[in-house]
Protein backbone atom coordinates (compact mmCIF):
# COMPACT_ATOMS: atom_id res chain seq x y z
CA MET A 1 256.38 5.97 72.85
CA ILE A 2 255.40 6.52 76.47
CA LYS A 3 252.71 4.07 77.59
CA LEU A 4 252.93 4.41 81.39
CA ILE A 5 253.59 7.52 83.49
CA ALA A 6 254.32 7.20 87.22
CA THR A 7 254.72 10.18 89.51
CA ASP A 8 255.56 10.83 93.11
CA ILE A 9 253.36 13.34 94.97
CA ASP A 10 255.00 15.19 97.87
CA GLY A 11 257.67 17.60 96.74
CA THR A 12 257.01 16.59 93.13
CA LEU A 13 253.41 17.64 92.49
CA VAL A 14 252.52 19.40 95.74
CA LYS A 15 253.99 20.78 98.94
CA ASP A 16 254.63 17.99 101.45
CA GLY A 17 251.57 16.97 103.41
CA THR A 18 248.84 18.83 101.55
CA LEU A 19 245.78 17.92 99.51
CA MET A 20 246.00 21.14 97.48
CA ILE A 21 246.98 20.58 93.86
CA ASN A 22 246.80 22.63 90.66
CA PRO A 23 243.42 21.54 89.20
CA GLU A 24 244.85 21.61 85.67
CA TYR A 25 246.64 18.36 86.52
CA MET A 26 243.24 16.60 86.51
CA THR A 27 242.38 17.85 83.02
CA VAL A 28 245.73 16.91 81.51
CA ILE A 29 245.96 13.51 83.23
CA GLU A 30 242.45 12.62 82.06
CA GLN A 31 243.43 13.54 78.50
CA LEU A 32 246.49 11.30 78.79
CA THR A 33 244.38 8.35 79.94
CA GLN A 34 242.00 8.96 77.03
CA LYS A 35 245.02 8.52 74.74
CA GLY A 36 245.56 5.08 76.29
CA ILE A 37 248.47 6.03 78.57
CA LEU A 38 248.42 4.36 81.98
CA PHE A 39 248.79 6.98 84.70
CA VAL A 40 250.14 5.72 88.02
CA VAL A 41 250.16 7.63 91.28
CA CYS A 42 253.37 6.34 92.88
CA SER A 43 253.87 7.66 96.39
CA GLY A 44 254.81 6.95 99.97
CA ARG A 45 251.28 8.04 100.79
CA GLN A 46 248.43 5.77 101.75
CA PHE A 47 245.87 4.81 99.09
CA SER A 48 243.08 6.82 100.74
CA SER A 49 245.24 9.97 100.58
CA GLU A 50 246.11 9.39 96.93
CA LYS A 51 242.43 8.99 96.04
CA LYS A 52 241.51 12.20 97.86
CA LEU A 53 244.17 14.20 96.02
CA PHE A 54 242.96 12.94 92.62
CA ALA A 55 239.28 12.75 93.59
CA SER A 56 237.78 13.94 90.30
CA ILE A 57 239.67 11.35 88.22
CA LYS A 58 240.33 8.68 90.86
CA ASP A 59 238.64 5.91 88.87
CA LYS A 60 240.89 6.46 85.84
CA LEU A 61 244.23 5.85 87.58
CA LEU A 62 246.43 3.06 88.90
CA TYR A 63 247.95 3.37 92.35
CA ILE A 64 251.25 2.45 93.94
CA SER A 65 251.09 3.38 97.60
CA ASP A 66 253.21 3.19 100.75
CA GLY A 67 256.51 3.45 98.92
CA GLY A 68 255.93 0.63 96.46
CA THR A 69 254.47 -1.94 98.84
CA VAL A 70 250.91 -1.95 97.45
CA VAL A 71 249.76 -1.94 93.81
CA ARG A 72 246.09 -1.31 93.09
CA THR A 73 243.44 -0.46 90.59
CA PRO A 74 240.75 1.89 91.94
CA ASN A 75 238.77 -1.17 93.06
CA GLU A 76 241.17 -3.97 93.96
CA ILE A 77 244.60 -4.79 95.28
CA LEU A 78 246.80 -6.38 92.63
CA LYS A 79 249.95 -6.97 94.69
CA THR A 80 251.33 -6.40 98.18
CA TYR A 81 254.84 -6.77 99.58
CA PRO A 82 254.41 -7.32 103.36
CA MET A 83 257.06 -7.14 106.08
CA SER A 84 257.63 -9.90 108.61
CA ASP A 85 256.38 -9.26 112.15
CA GLU A 86 259.84 -9.88 113.51
CA LEU A 87 261.40 -7.28 111.24
CA TRP A 88 259.11 -4.32 111.88
CA LYS A 89 258.59 -5.05 115.57
CA ASN A 90 262.35 -5.13 116.17
CA MET A 91 262.60 -1.82 114.35
CA TYR A 92 259.86 -0.45 116.57
CA GLN A 93 261.73 -1.54 119.71
CA MET A 94 264.85 0.27 118.57
CA VAL A 95 262.90 3.47 117.94
CA LYS A 96 261.33 3.30 121.41
CA GLU A 97 264.64 2.58 123.15
CA LYS A 98 267.17 4.57 121.10
CA LEU A 99 265.18 7.33 119.38
CA PRO A 100 262.82 8.68 122.06
CA SER A 101 262.38 12.01 120.25
CA CYS A 102 260.99 10.24 117.18
CA ASP A 103 257.50 8.92 116.57
CA CYS A 104 256.55 6.00 114.30
CA PHE A 105 253.66 4.14 112.70
CA ALA A 106 252.96 0.79 111.07
CA ALA A 107 250.89 0.64 107.88
CA THR A 108 248.58 -1.93 106.35
CA PRO A 109 247.20 -1.41 102.82
CA ASP A 110 244.22 0.49 104.24
CA TYR A 111 245.15 1.85 107.69
CA CYS A 112 248.05 3.28 109.66
CA PHE A 113 248.45 2.36 113.32
CA ALA A 114 250.12 4.74 115.79
CA GLU A 115 250.19 4.98 119.56
CA ASP A 116 249.32 8.60 120.32
CA GLY A 117 246.18 9.95 118.68
CA GLY A 118 247.01 13.40 119.99
CA SER A 119 250.51 13.59 118.55
CA GLN A 120 251.74 15.98 115.87
CA MET A 121 252.42 13.05 113.55
CA PHE A 122 248.97 11.51 114.00
CA HIS A 123 247.15 14.78 113.32
CA TRP A 124 249.34 15.66 110.32
CA LEU A 125 248.80 12.27 108.69
CA ARG A 126 245.06 12.30 109.33
CA ASP A 127 244.19 15.97 108.82
CA SER A 128 246.69 17.14 106.17
CA TYR A 129 247.66 14.01 104.22
CA GLY A 130 244.18 12.50 104.55
CA PHE A 131 245.32 9.14 105.91
CA GLU A 132 243.03 6.61 107.59
CA MET A 133 244.52 6.42 111.09
CA LYS A 134 243.89 4.05 114.02
CA GLU A 135 245.19 4.57 117.55
CA ILE A 136 246.62 1.59 119.43
CA ASP A 137 248.01 1.45 122.96
CA ASP A 138 251.11 -0.59 122.11
CA LEU A 139 252.31 -1.17 118.54
CA SER A 140 254.33 -4.18 119.64
CA LYS A 141 251.06 -5.98 120.47
CA LEU A 142 249.56 -5.36 117.04
CA GLU A 143 248.73 -8.70 115.41
CA SER A 144 248.54 -8.31 111.65
CA LYS A 145 250.01 -10.19 108.72
CA ASP A 146 249.40 -7.18 106.48
CA ILE A 147 252.03 -4.68 107.68
CA ILE A 148 253.60 -3.36 104.50
CA LYS A 149 255.55 -0.37 105.84
CA PHE A 150 257.09 0.88 109.08
CA THR A 151 257.85 4.59 109.19
CA ILE A 152 259.81 6.79 111.58
CA TYR A 153 258.90 10.46 112.04
CA HIS A 154 260.68 13.51 113.35
CA PRO A 155 259.35 17.02 112.59
CA THR A 156 262.65 18.45 111.33
CA ALA A 157 265.50 15.93 111.23
CA CYS A 158 264.42 12.32 110.78
CA GLU A 159 267.31 11.37 108.49
CA GLU A 160 269.86 12.91 110.87
CA MET A 161 268.31 11.16 113.87
CA CYS A 162 268.30 7.77 112.14
CA THR A 163 271.75 7.94 110.51
CA PRO A 164 274.02 7.09 113.51
CA LEU A 165 272.35 3.84 114.60
CA PHE A 166 269.02 2.94 113.01
CA ILE A 167 270.02 3.05 109.33
CA PRO A 168 273.31 1.12 109.80
CA SER A 169 271.50 -1.51 111.86
CA TRP A 170 268.79 -2.23 109.29
CA LYS A 171 270.08 -1.28 105.84
CA GLU A 172 271.05 -4.89 105.03
CA LYS A 173 267.78 -6.32 106.35
CA ALA A 174 265.17 -3.95 104.94
CA GLN A 175 264.64 -1.38 102.21
CA LEU A 176 265.17 2.01 103.86
CA ALA A 177 264.29 5.26 102.13
CA VAL A 178 264.34 8.88 103.21
CA ALA A 179 261.07 10.53 102.17
CA GLY A 180 261.48 14.19 103.08
CA LYS A 181 263.05 15.68 106.19
CA GLU A 182 260.33 14.19 108.41
CA TRP A 183 260.24 10.55 107.31
CA VAL A 184 262.32 7.40 107.00
CA ASP A 185 260.28 4.61 105.39
CA CYS A 186 261.10 0.94 105.93
CA ASN A 187 259.87 -1.76 103.53
CA ALA A 188 260.66 -5.43 103.10
CA LEU A 189 264.14 -5.91 101.66
CA GLY A 190 264.31 -5.18 97.95
CA VAL A 191 260.89 -3.52 97.75
CA SER A 192 260.78 -0.03 96.24
CA LYS A 193 258.62 2.04 93.92
CA TRP A 194 260.46 0.48 90.98
CA THR A 195 259.53 -3.00 92.24
CA ALA A 196 255.87 -2.03 91.97
CA ILE A 197 256.33 -0.38 88.56
CA SER A 198 258.09 -3.53 87.36
CA PHE A 199 255.04 -5.55 88.42
CA LEU A 200 252.85 -3.29 86.27
CA MET A 201 255.31 -3.53 83.37
CA GLU A 202 255.00 -7.30 83.44
CA LYS A 203 251.20 -7.16 83.78
CA TYR A 204 250.80 -4.80 80.82
CA GLN A 205 253.78 -6.15 78.81
CA LEU A 206 255.74 -2.90 78.77
CA ASN A 207 259.47 -2.23 78.64
CA ALA A 208 261.51 0.45 80.38
CA ASP A 209 261.66 2.67 77.29
CA GLU A 210 257.87 3.02 77.48
CA ILE A 211 257.95 4.29 81.09
CA CYS A 212 258.22 7.89 82.31
CA CYS A 213 258.73 8.67 86.01
CA PHE A 214 258.81 11.86 88.10
CA GLY A 215 260.25 12.34 91.60
CA ASP A 216 262.14 14.47 94.09
CA ASN A 217 263.54 12.38 96.93
CA LEU A 218 265.73 9.38 97.73
CA ASN A 219 262.85 6.92 97.56
CA ASP A 220 262.43 7.91 93.89
CA ILE A 221 265.99 7.27 92.77
CA GLU A 222 265.58 3.67 91.63
CA MET A 223 262.60 4.41 89.39
CA LEU A 224 264.25 7.55 87.97
CA LYS A 225 267.37 5.55 87.10
CA ASN A 226 265.55 2.63 85.51
CA ALA A 227 262.74 4.29 83.56
CA GLY A 228 263.53 5.12 79.95
CA THR A 229 262.34 8.68 80.52
CA SER A 230 262.56 10.37 83.92
CA TYR A 231 262.44 13.83 85.43
CA ALA A 232 263.51 15.18 88.79
CA VAL A 233 261.85 18.44 89.75
CA SER A 234 264.48 21.14 90.21
CA ASN A 235 263.71 21.36 93.94
CA ALA A 236 264.84 17.73 94.33
CA ARG A 237 267.88 16.64 96.30
CA PRO A 238 271.13 16.78 94.25
CA GLU A 239 271.56 13.00 94.17
CA VAL A 240 267.99 12.65 92.83
CA ILE A 241 268.64 15.17 90.07
CA GLU A 242 271.76 13.21 89.18
CA ALA A 243 269.78 9.96 88.97
CA ALA A 244 267.12 11.34 86.62
CA LYS A 245 267.49 11.60 82.86
CA SER A 246 266.16 15.20 82.87
CA THR A 247 264.91 17.94 85.16
CA CYS A 248 261.79 20.08 85.12
CA ALA A 249 260.60 23.16 87.01
CA PRO A 250 259.86 22.85 90.77
CA TYR A 251 256.52 21.68 92.13
CA TRP A 252 255.39 25.24 92.94
CA GLU A 253 255.73 26.09 89.24
CA SER A 254 253.89 22.88 88.23
CA GLY A 255 256.94 21.60 86.39
CA VAL A 256 255.56 18.07 86.01
CA LEU A 257 252.37 19.48 84.49
CA GLU A 258 254.33 21.18 81.71
CA VAL A 259 256.07 17.91 80.83
CA LEU A 260 252.76 16.03 80.88
CA LYS A 261 251.31 18.54 78.42
CA SER A 262 254.15 17.72 76.03
CA PHE A 263 252.90 14.11 75.85
CA LEU A 264 249.61 15.35 74.45
């Protein structure tokens, strides 16, 4: 019996970088929670963006944000997995020196910090994703013990830009995950969406056979492999489809919604 459902957002429920979602999701998800099923929004997005997308039912959900680095109820943080200053600041220096065509930001559980408030990345995160953004002159001078994610951005080819040097340099020191063609997310080593789901499994005394996950991209692979029930949307990358137990229709056909209805 499924007792916890966790789903990615971008490319799985909605088009990347939008707050537009089929409103029927809200009705069905609320019905699932009334049956006692825990419903977890599990995304690379910031918490504020997740809440805005699910505004009408936001108080009925659990939240895994920033690629698995923060676990929350609607009212409190249950767990964070921060990065060391040395790790993310060294990553930042490499981006500035070796990837000048890329942008980047550093995230805390509640805010994202970026250097250019007029940039394409800054506006997209704030205006389309609904992130809480703060501009800072120099990221390397940011003093915070709460950085949970460092992300690199390129409008069309982030994975390709990062593959020759950045990914080989850091793959043994951090958890790197491609999250769409625009993003490469960097977490503390060993921290993924499945790490956060595992925390919830322990908290609520659940096993993998009671978990169902949905996703579309490389940062979803671990949870799709480990959950007892999992679906990749058919628009997912081939290696993601291979990792999942099953597939469903693409996000533009509300494929996840049809599977959720079956649990009712």
